[in-house]
Amino acid sequence: MSKERIRELLGQLKEEIRRTDVDDELQAMMGELDADIHGVIENEEDVSAVVDRAKELEADFATRHPAAAGFFREVIDLLVRMGI
């Protein structure tokens, strides 16, 4: 169930990013994070580096895009709770 919720949140996050003015660098970082998260949920890869990167992005989004930061926080929480 958590993996499905993460997929759902990633979809919501992508939609939020599409609706906001996000610079190219942040979009690229989000794309890399998205690929890393899918690697974690599909292949059960190490989650610690992905969580660290997600926290960095969340901090950046929190000031510029509060709604997107909320999605990040929930994804991070789910990844940590999954215990991958």
Foldseek 3Di string as FASTA:
>chain_A
DLLVVLVVLLVVLVVLPVVDDDDPVLVVLSVVLVVVVCCCSVVVPDCPVSLVSLVVSLVVCCVVPVVSSVSSVSSSVSVVVVVD
